[in-house]
Amino acid sequence: MILAAGLGERLKPLTLKTPKALVKIRGIPLIEIVARKLISAGFNKIAVNVNHFADEIEEYIRSKNSFGAEIFISREICRPLGTGGGVFWAKDFLKEEESFLIHNVDIISDTDLDGLYNYHQKSGNAATLSVKKRNTSRMLLFGRDGFLRGRKTEKDPLNTDSLREFAFSGIHCANSAIFDVAPPEEVFSIIDFYLSLKFSGKIGFLEDRGKIWFDAGKKDSLSLLQKSDIFSLSKIFD
């Protein structure tokens, strides 16, 4: 699933007239970059959630013949439902498979998606987060057993001496069994949902050791990708 329903608040005023999913890097919209990366990794059934400028995103996908894949459009009619709410809104499509991969539309990386998916399937985890060693204000904490234990910014932090710190990469895998757990509300963050299950010992991680990772939903990262030779489809896909 590609999460593409966000308002693109961090890219305003660019996203006042253009959906974040159709913001371009070197002439190629984010939705196409991510979709083609997924397809190159072997994923040929993809859900895309939409809300902000939904018609424009759907029309672009249609104009590209769905990039040669089967694409299901999950429309969030009244408002964006967040990363968790969006996944649950598309559950009828996603639960057709035992496990599935979720990718934020604004993440540009050389992450080994096939490797992440295969690792998740063998792990027995309810979900497996792709993480990196990088600076962030939202650091996640994992126990030495490899399972999610909390967030560093919590008001009453855990004893971090025995925990490992990683930043979430905006890419993860989950089992359809997560849909058996009632979400907290209609609009919610998938990470908050996972944190609510943190002591069940079922939310694991895989460290991404790739060389390329950008949050293109931030102005500075988007600008760097536009100007730098870092971005090339061959580097992202290989």
C-alpha atoms as a PDB file:
ATOM      1  CA  MET A   1       0.000   0.000   0.000  1.00  0.00           C
ATOM      2  CA  ILE A   2       1.147   3.526  -0.799  1.00  0.00           C
ATOM      3  CA  LEU A   3      -0.001   6.138   1.719  1.00  0.00           C
ATOM      4  CA  ALA A   4      -0.823   9.156  -0.448  1.00  0.00           C
ATOM      5  CA  ALA A   5      -3.818  10.838   1.205  1.00  0.00           C
ATOM      6  CA  GLY A   6      -1.936  13.461   3.222  1.00  0.00           C
ATOM      7  CA  LEU A   7      -2.407  17.193   2.820  1.00  0.00           C
ATOM      8  CA  GLY A   8       1.309  17.863   2.326  1.00  0.00           C
ATOM      9  CA  GLU A   9       1.370  20.539   5.024  1.00  0.00           C
ATOM     10  CA  ARG A  10       5.183  20.686   5.106  1.00  0.00           C
ATOM     11  CA  LEU A  11       5.356  21.451   1.372  1.00  0.00           C
ATOM     12  CA  LYS A  12       2.950  24.395   1.359  1.00  0.00           C
ATOM     13  CA  PRO A  13       2.401  26.546  -0.686  1.00  0.00           C
ATOM     14  CA  LEU A  14       3.365  23.970  -3.345  1.00  0.00           C
ATOM     15  CA  THR A  15       0.633  21.586  -2.206  1.00  0.00           C
ATOM     16  CA  LEU A  16      -2.110  24.220  -2.229  1.00  0.00           C
ATOM     17  CA  LYS A  17      -2.632  23.443  -5.921  1.00  0.00           C
ATOM     18  CA  THR A  18      -0.847  20.119  -6.277  1.00  0.00           C
ATOM     19  CA  PRO A  19      -1.302  16.941  -4.227  1.00  0.00           C
ATOM     20  CA  LYS A  20       1.870  15.778  -2.514  1.00  0.00           C
ATOM     21  CA  ALA A  21       1.700  12.516  -4.454  1.00  0.00           C
ATOM     22  CA  LEU A  22       2.063  14.438  -7.719  1.00  0.00           C
ATOM     23  CA  VAL A  23       4.943  16.662  -6.600  1.00  0.00           C
ATOM     24  CA  LYS A  24       7.751  15.922  -9.039  1.00  0.00           C
ATOM     25  CA  ILE A  25      11.428  15.120  -8.674  1.00  0.00           C
ATOM     26  CA  ARG A  26      13.246  15.670 -11.941  1.00  0.00           C
ATOM     27  CA  GLY A  27       9.894  15.576 -13.744  1.00  0.00           C
ATOM     28  CA  ILE A  28       8.626  12.357 -12.124  1.00  0.00           C
ATOM     29  CA  PRO A  29       5.803  12.458  -9.527  1.00  0.00           C
ATOM     30  CA  LEU A  30       6.409  10.858  -6.140  1.00  0.00           C
ATOM     31  CA  ILE A  31       3.544   8.404  -6.652  1.00  0.00           C
ATOM     32  CA  GLU A  32       5.169   7.069  -9.820  1.00  0.00           C
ATOM     33  CA  ILE A  33       8.621   6.768  -8.227  1.00  0.00           C
ATOM     34  CA  VAL A  34       7.269   4.757  -5.284  1.00  0.00           C
ATOM     35  CA  ALA A  35       4.892   2.651  -7.389  1.00  0.00           C
ATOM     36  CA  ARG A  36       7.621   1.697  -9.846  1.00  0.00           C
ATOM     37  CA  LYS A  37       9.971   0.833  -6.978  1.00  0.00           C
ATOM     38  CA  LEU A  38       7.329  -1.453  -5.498  1.00  0.00           C
ATOM     39  CA  ILE A  39       6.662  -3.071  -8.867  1.00  0.00           C
ATOM     40  CA  SER A  40      10.377  -3.580  -9.502  1.00  0.00           C
ATOM     41  CA  ALA A  41      10.525  -5.415  -6.151  1.00  0.00           C
ATOM     42  CA  GLY A  42       7.758  -7.789  -7.238  1.00  0.00           C
ATOM     43  CA  PHE A  43       4.653  -6.141  -5.778  1.00  0.00           C
ATOM     44  CA  ASN A  44       1.983  -6.133  -8.503  1.00  0.00           C
ATOM     45  CA  LYS A  45      -1.137  -5.490  -6.391  1.00  0.00           C
ATOM     46  CA  ILE A  46      -1.057  -2.039  -4.808  1.00  0.00           C
ATOM     47  CA  ALA A  47      -3.574  -0.007  -2.818  1.00  0.00           C
ATOM     48  CA  VAL A  48      -3.250   3.788  -2.921  1.00  0.00           C
ATOM     49  CA  ASN A  49      -5.217   5.879  -0.437  1.00  0.00           C
ATOM     50  CA  VAL A  50      -6.331   9.323  -1.600  1.00  0.00           C
ATOM     51  CA  ASN A  51      -8.197  12.340  -0.243  1.00  0.00           C
ATOM     52  CA  HIS A  52      -6.501  15.665  -1.030  1.00  0.00           C
ATOM     53  CA  PHE A  53      -6.883  16.210  -4.822  1.00  0.00           C
ATOM     54  CA  ALA A  54      -8.070  12.608  -5.086  1.00  0.00           C
ATOM     55  CA  ASP A  55      -9.356  12.971  -8.665  1.00  0.00           C
ATOM     56  CA  GLU A  56      -6.011  14.296  -9.918  1.00  0.00           C
ATOM     57  CA  ILE A  57      -4.064  11.417  -8.371  1.00  0.00           C
ATOM     58  CA  GLU A  58      -6.471   8.808  -9.700  1.00  0.00           C
ATOM     59  CA  GLU A  59      -6.421  10.352 -13.177  1.00  0.00           C
ATOM     60  CA  TYR A  60      -2.622  10.358 -13.260  1.00  0.00           C
ATOM     61  CA  ILE A  61      -2.478   6.694 -12.275  1.00  0.00           C
ATOM     62  CA  ARG A  62      -5.065   5.883 -14.936  1.00  0.00           C
ATOM     63  CA  SER A  63      -3.128   7.853 -17.562  1.00  0.00           C
ATOM     64  CA  LYS A  64      -0.103   5.672 -16.850  1.00  0.00           C
ATOM     65  CA  ASN A  65      -2.147   2.447 -17.139  1.00  0.00           C
ATOM     66  CA  SER A  66      -1.566   1.853 -13.421  1.00  0.00           C
ATOM     67  CA  PHE A  67       2.161   1.477 -14.195  1.00  0.00           C
ATOM     68  CA  GLY A  68       1.397  -2.045 -15.389  1.00  0.00           C
ATOM     69  CA  ALA A  69       0.145  -3.238 -12.001  1.00  0.00           C
ATOM     70  CA  GLU A  70      -3.236  -3.827 -10.365  1.00  0.00           C
ATOM     71  CA  ILE A  71      -3.947  -0.657  -8.403  1.00  0.00           C
ATOM     72  CA  PHE A  72      -6.841  -0.249  -5.997  1.00  0.00           C
ATOM     73  CA  ILE A  73      -7.800   3.327  -5.108  1.00  0.00           C
ATOM     74  CA  SER A  74      -8.928   3.696  -1.497  1.00  0.00           C
ATOM     75  CA  ARG A  75     -10.831   6.977  -1.232  1.00  0.00           C
ATOM     76  CA  GLU A  76     -10.983   8.620   2.176  1.00  0.00           C
ATOM     77  CA  ILE A  77     -14.042  10.684   1.455  1.00  0.00           C
ATOM     78  CA  CYS A  78     -14.460  13.188   4.306  1.00  0.00           C
ATOM     79  CA  ARG A  79     -10.886  13.699   5.513  1.00  0.00           C
ATOM     80  CA  PRO A  80      -7.458  12.056   5.571  1.00  0.00           C
ATOM     81  CA  LEU A  81      -7.541   9.237   8.106  1.00  0.00           C
ATOM     82  CA  GLY A  82      -3.864   9.235   9.047  1.00  0.00           C
ATOM     83  CA  THR A  83      -1.341   6.486   8.435  1.00  0.00           C
ATOM     84  CA  GLY A  84      -3.234   4.036  10.642  1.00  0.00           C
ATOM     85  CA  GLY A  85      -6.762   4.981   9.703  1.00  0.00           C
ATOM     86  CA  GLY A  86      -5.838   4.803   6.027  1.00  0.00           C
ATOM     87  CA  VAL A  87      -4.535   1.259   6.367  1.00  0.00           C
ATOM     88  CA  PHE A  88      -7.655   0.110   8.201  1.00  0.00           C
ATOM     89  CA  TRP A  89      -9.921   1.850   5.655  1.00  0.00           C
ATOM     90  CA  ALA A  90      -8.313  -0.296   2.936  1.00  0.00           C
ATOM     91  CA  LYS A  91      -8.401  -3.507   4.974  1.00  0.00           C
ATOM     92  CA  ASP A  92     -10.820  -5.341   2.660  1.00  0.00           C
ATOM     93  CA  PHE A  93      -8.170  -5.134  -0.083  1.00  0.00           C
ATOM     94  CA  LEU A  94      -5.148  -5.685   2.160  1.00  0.00           C
ATOM     95  CA  LYS A  95      -6.464  -8.666   4.100  1.00  0.00           C
ATOM     96  CA  GLU A  96      -6.647 -10.696   0.882  1.00  0.00           C
ATOM     97  CA  GLU A  97      -2.980 -11.455   1.649  1.00  0.00           C
ATOM     98  CA  GLU A  98      -1.524 -12.797   4.873  1.00  0.00           C
ATOM     99  CA  SER A  99       1.001  -9.938   4.969  1.00  0.00           C
ATOM    100  CA  PHE A 100       1.548  -6.697   3.088  1.00  0.00           C
ATOM    101  CA  LEU A 101       4.019  -3.810   2.777  1.00  0.00           C
ATOM    102  CA  ILE A 102       3.161  -0.159   3.467  1.00  0.00           C
ATOM    103  CA  HIS A 103       5.185   2.712   1.954  1.00  0.00           C
ATOM    104  CA  ASN A 104       4.771   6.458   2.525  1.00  0.00           C
ATOM    105  CA  VAL A 105       4.497   8.282  -0.805  1.00  0.00           C
ATOM    106  CA  ASP A 106       7.113  10.870   0.177  1.00  0.00           C
ATOM    107  CA  ILE A 107       9.904   8.439   1.059  1.00  0.00           C
ATOM    108  CA  ILE A 108      12.661   8.145  -1.554  1.00  0.00           C
ATOM    109  CA  SER A 109      15.154   5.397  -0.764  1.00  0.00           C
ATOM    110  CA  ASP A 110      17.115   2.415  -2.001  1.00  0.00           C
ATOM    111  CA  THR A 111      15.590   0.229   0.710  1.00  0.00           C
ATOM    112  CA  ASP A 112      15.500  -3.460  -0.222  1.00  0.00           C
ATOM    113  CA  LEU A 113      11.719  -3.863  -0.175  1.00  0.00           C
ATOM    114  CA  ASP A 114      11.742  -7.491  -1.218  1.00  0.00           C
ATOM    115  CA  GLY A 115      14.293  -8.241   1.505  1.00  0.00           C
ATOM    116  CA  LEU A 116      12.164  -6.458   4.110  1.00  0.00           C
ATOM    117  CA  TYR A 117       9.040  -8.341   3.056  1.00  0.00           C
ATOM    118  CA  ASN A 118      10.774 -11.726   3.101  1.00  0.00           C
ATOM    119  CA  TYR A 119      12.325 -11.002   6.494  1.00  0.00           C
ATOM    120  CA  HIS A 120       8.921 -10.037   7.886  1.00  0.00           C
ATOM    121  CA  GLN A 121       7.255 -13.194   6.610  1.00  0.00           C
ATOM    122  CA  LYS A 122       9.860 -15.374   8.320  1.00  0.00           C
ATOM    123  CA  SER A 123       9.969 -13.359  11.561  1.00  0.00           C
ATOM    124  CA  GLY A 124       6.592 -14.156  13.058  1.00  0.00           C
ATOM    125  CA  ASN A 125       6.133 -10.445  13.851  1.00  0.00           C
ATOM    126  CA  ALA A 126       2.726  -8.789  13.684  1.00  0.00           C
ATOM    127  CA  ALA A 127       4.575  -5.908  12.021  1.00  0.00           C
ATOM    128  CA  THR A 128       8.166  -5.183  11.059  1.00  0.00           C
ATOM    129  CA  LEU A 129       9.364  -1.584  10.819  1.00  0.00           C
ATOM    130  CA  SER A 130      12.162  -0.531   8.490  1.00  0.00           C
ATOM    131  CA  VAL A 131      14.425   1.687  10.600  1.00  0.00           C
ATOM    132  CA  LYS A 132      17.672   3.623  10.237  1.00  0.00           C
ATOM    133  CA  LYS A 133      20.326   5.179  12.416  1.00  0.00           C
ATOM    134  CA  ARG A 134      19.620   8.880  11.850  1.00  0.00           C
ATOM    135  CA  ASN A 135      18.655  11.928  13.856  1.00  0.00           C
ATOM    136  CA  THR A 136      14.984  12.492  14.517  1.00  0.00           C
ATOM    137  CA  SER A 137      12.812  14.008  17.234  1.00  0.00           C
ATOM    138  CA  ARG A 138      10.623  10.880  17.141  1.00  0.00           C
ATOM    139  CA  MET A 139      13.123   8.152  17.967  1.00  0.00           C
ATOM    140  CA  LEU A 140      11.681   4.691  18.553  1.00  0.00           C
ATOM    141  CA  LEU A 141      12.997   2.409  21.270  1.00  0.00           C
ATOM    142  CA  PHE A 142      13.466  -1.331  20.830  1.00  0.00           C
ATOM    143  CA  GLY A 143      14.360  -3.900  23.439  1.00  0.00           C
ATOM    144  CA  ARG A 144      17.344  -6.201  23.096  1.00  0.00           C
ATOM    145  CA  ASP A 145      14.823  -8.858  22.098  1.00  0.00           C
ATOM    146  CA  GLY A 146      14.179  -6.836  18.924  1.00  0.00           C
ATOM    147  CA  PHE A 147      10.663  -5.659  19.775  1.00  0.00           C
ATOM    148  CA  LEU A 148       9.194  -2.159  20.000  1.00  0.00           C
ATOM    149  CA  ARG A 149       9.115  -0.841  23.564  1.00  0.00           C
ATOM    150  CA  GLY A 150       8.351   2.876  23.300  1.00  0.00           C
ATOM    151  CA  ARG A 151       9.256   6.296  21.977  1.00  0.00           C
ATOM    152  CA  LYS A 152      12.112   8.385  23.314  1.00  0.00           C
ATOM    153  CA  THR A 153       9.989  11.517  23.566  1.00  0.00           C
ATOM    154  CA  GLU A 154       7.509   9.976  25.982  1.00  0.00           C
ATOM    155  CA  LYS A 155       6.919  12.094  29.114  1.00  0.00           C
ATOM    156  CA  ASP A 156       7.777   9.160  31.344  1.00  0.00           C
ATOM    157  CA  PRO A 157      10.608   7.555  29.379  1.00  0.00           C
ATOM    158  CA  LEU A 158      11.591   3.953  29.803  1.00  0.00           C
ATOM    159  CA  ASN A 159      15.027   3.020  31.060  1.00  0.00           C
ATOM    160  CA  THR A 160      16.842   3.627  27.780  1.00  0.00           C
ATOM    161  CA  ASP A 161      20.067   1.995  28.981  1.00  0.00           C
ATOM    162  CA  SER A 162      18.768  -1.394  27.892  1.00  0.00           C
ATOM    163  CA  LEU A 163      17.093  -0.160  24.701  1.00  0.00           C
ATOM    164  CA  ARG A 164      18.227   0.497  21.132  1.00  0.00           C
ATOM    165  CA  GLU A 165      17.254   3.736  19.362  1.00  0.00           C
ATOM    166  CA  PHE A 166      16.220   3.864  15.712  1.00  0.00           C
ATOM    167  CA  ALA A 167      14.314   6.223  13.432  1.00  0.00           C
ATOM    168  CA  PHE A 168      11.315   4.873  11.531  1.00  0.00           C
ATOM    169  CA  SER A 169      11.849   4.965   7.763  1.00  0.00           C
ATOM    170  CA  GLY A 170       8.214   5.307   6.665  1.00  0.00           C
ATOM    171  CA  ILE A 171       8.200   1.756   5.282  1.00  0.00           C
ATOM    172  CA  HIS A 172       6.962  -1.342   7.087  1.00  0.00           C
ATOM    173  CA  CYS A 173       5.254  -4.702   6.737  1.00  0.00           C
ATOM    174  CA  ALA A 174       2.267  -5.995   8.665  1.00  0.00           C
ATOM    175  CA  ASN A 175       0.114  -9.083   8.936  1.00  0.00           C
ATOM    176  CA  SER A 176      -3.597  -8.965   8.215  1.00  0.00           C
ATOM    177  CA  ALA A 177      -4.052 -10.144  11.821  1.00  0.00           C
ATOM    178  CA  ILE A 178      -3.637  -6.501  12.917  1.00  0.00           C
ATOM    179  CA  PHE A 179      -7.182  -5.957  11.675  1.00  0.00           C
ATOM    180  CA  ASP A 180      -8.418  -8.195  14.480  1.00  0.00           C
ATOM    181  CA  VAL A 181      -7.406  -5.471  16.953  1.00  0.00           C
ATOM    182  CA  ALA A 182      -9.887  -2.621  17.231  1.00  0.00           C
ATOM    183  CA  PRO A 183      -8.286   0.727  16.288  1.00  0.00           C
ATOM    184  CA  PRO A 184      -8.495   3.553  18.838  1.00  0.00           C
ATOM    185  CA  GLU A 185     -10.565   5.790  16.534  1.00  0.00           C
ATOM    186  CA  GLU A 186     -11.166   6.458  12.841  1.00  0.00           C
ATOM    187  CA  VAL A 187      -8.193   8.832  12.412  1.00  0.00           C
ATOM    188  CA  PHE A 188      -4.935   7.628  13.948  1.00  0.00           C
ATOM    189  CA  SER A 189      -1.216   7.090  13.410  1.00  0.00           C
ATOM    190  CA  ILE A 190      -0.044   3.571  12.627  1.00  0.00           C
ATOM    191  CA  ILE A 191       2.993   4.057  14.892  1.00  0.00           C
ATOM    192  CA  ASP A 192       0.745   5.108  17.782  1.00  0.00           C
ATOM    193  CA  PHE A 193      -1.305   1.992  17.107  1.00  0.00           C
ATOM    194  CA  TYR A 194       1.827  -0.177  17.215  1.00  0.00           C
ATOM    195  CA  LEU A 195       2.977   1.548  20.393  1.00  0.00           C
ATOM    196  CA  SER A 196      -0.320   0.629  22.004  1.00  0.00           C
ATOM    197  CA  LEU A 197       0.712  -2.990  21.431  1.00  0.00           C
ATOM    198  CA  LYS A 198       4.343  -2.424  22.408  1.00  0.00           C
ATOM    199  CA  PHE A 199       4.494  -4.917  25.286  1.00  0.00           C
ATOM    200  CA  SER A 200       2.989  -7.762  23.303  1.00  0.00           C
ATOM    201  CA  GLY A 201       6.414  -8.479  21.815  1.00  0.00           C
ATOM    202  CA  LYS A 202       5.126  -8.582  18.255  1.00  0.00           C
ATOM    203  CA  ILE A 203       6.324  -5.336  16.650  1.00  0.00           C
ATOM    204  CA  GLY A 204       9.846  -5.901  15.339  1.00  0.00           C
ATOM    205  CA  PHE A 205      12.319  -4.054  13.145  1.00  0.00           C
ATOM    206  CA  LEU A 206      14.848  -4.486  10.368  1.00  0.00           C
ATOM    207  CA  GLU A 207      17.662  -1.968  10.076  1.00  0.00           C
ATOM    208  CA  ASP A 208      17.882  -0.461   6.587  1.00  0.00           C
ATOM    209  CA  ARG A 209      21.532  -0.318   5.577  1.00  0.00           C
ATOM    210  CA  GLY A 210      20.890   1.328   2.215  1.00  0.00           C
ATOM    211  CA  LYS A 211      22.762   4.478   1.225  1.00  0.00           C
ATOM    212  CA  ILE A 212      19.787   6.547   0.051  1.00  0.00           C
ATOM    213  CA  TRP A 213      16.914   7.760   2.239  1.00  0.00           C
ATOM    214  CA  PHE A 214      15.043  11.065   1.920  1.00  0.00           C
ATOM    215  CA  ASP A 215      11.791  12.414   3.281  1.00  0.00           C
ATOM    216  CA  ALA A 216      10.654  14.268   0.161  1.00  0.00           C
ATOM    217  CA  GLY A 217       7.725  15.680   2.129  1.00  0.00           C
ATOM    218  CA  LYS A 218      10.157  18.228   3.582  1.00  0.00           C
ATOM    219  CA  LYS A 219      11.132  21.300   1.583  1.00  0.00           C
ATOM    220  CA  ASP A 220      14.868  20.998   2.180  1.00  0.00           C
ATOM    221  CA  SER A 221      14.995  17.327   1.185  1.00  0.00           C
ATOM    222  CA  LEU A 222      12.858  17.950  -1.891  1.00  0.00           C
ATOM    223  CA  SER A 223      15.099  20.821  -2.946  1.00  0.00           C
ATOM    224  CA  LEU A 224      18.212  18.680  -2.486  1.00  0.00           C
ATOM    225  CA  LEU A 225      16.744  15.886  -4.595  1.00  0.00           C
ATOM    226  CA  GLN A 226      15.836  18.358  -7.343  1.00  0.00           C
ATOM    227  CA  LYS A 227      19.349  19.793  -7.553  1.00  0.00           C
ATOM    228  CA  SER A 228      21.600  16.889  -6.647  1.00  0.00           C
ATOM    229  CA  ASP A 229      22.800  13.939  -8.706  1.00  0.00           C
ATOM    230  CA  ILE A 230      21.846  11.715  -5.747  1.00  0.00           C
ATOM    231  CA  PHE A 231      18.475  11.073  -7.325  1.00  0.00           C
ATOM    232  CA  SER A 232      18.372   8.623 -10.189  1.00  0.00           C
ATOM    233  CA  LEU A 233      15.865   5.876 -10.783  1.00  0.00           C
ATOM    234  CA  SER A 234      18.638   3.364 -11.360  1.00  0.00           C
ATOM    235  CA  LYS A 235      20.091   4.097  -7.901  1.00  0.00           C
ATOM    236  CA  ILE A 236      16.669   3.848  -6.272  1.00  0.00           C
ATOM    237  CA  PHE A 237      15.601   0.643  -8.015  1.00  0.00           C
ATOM    238  CA  ASP A 238      18.840  -1.353  -8.070  1.00  0.00           C
END
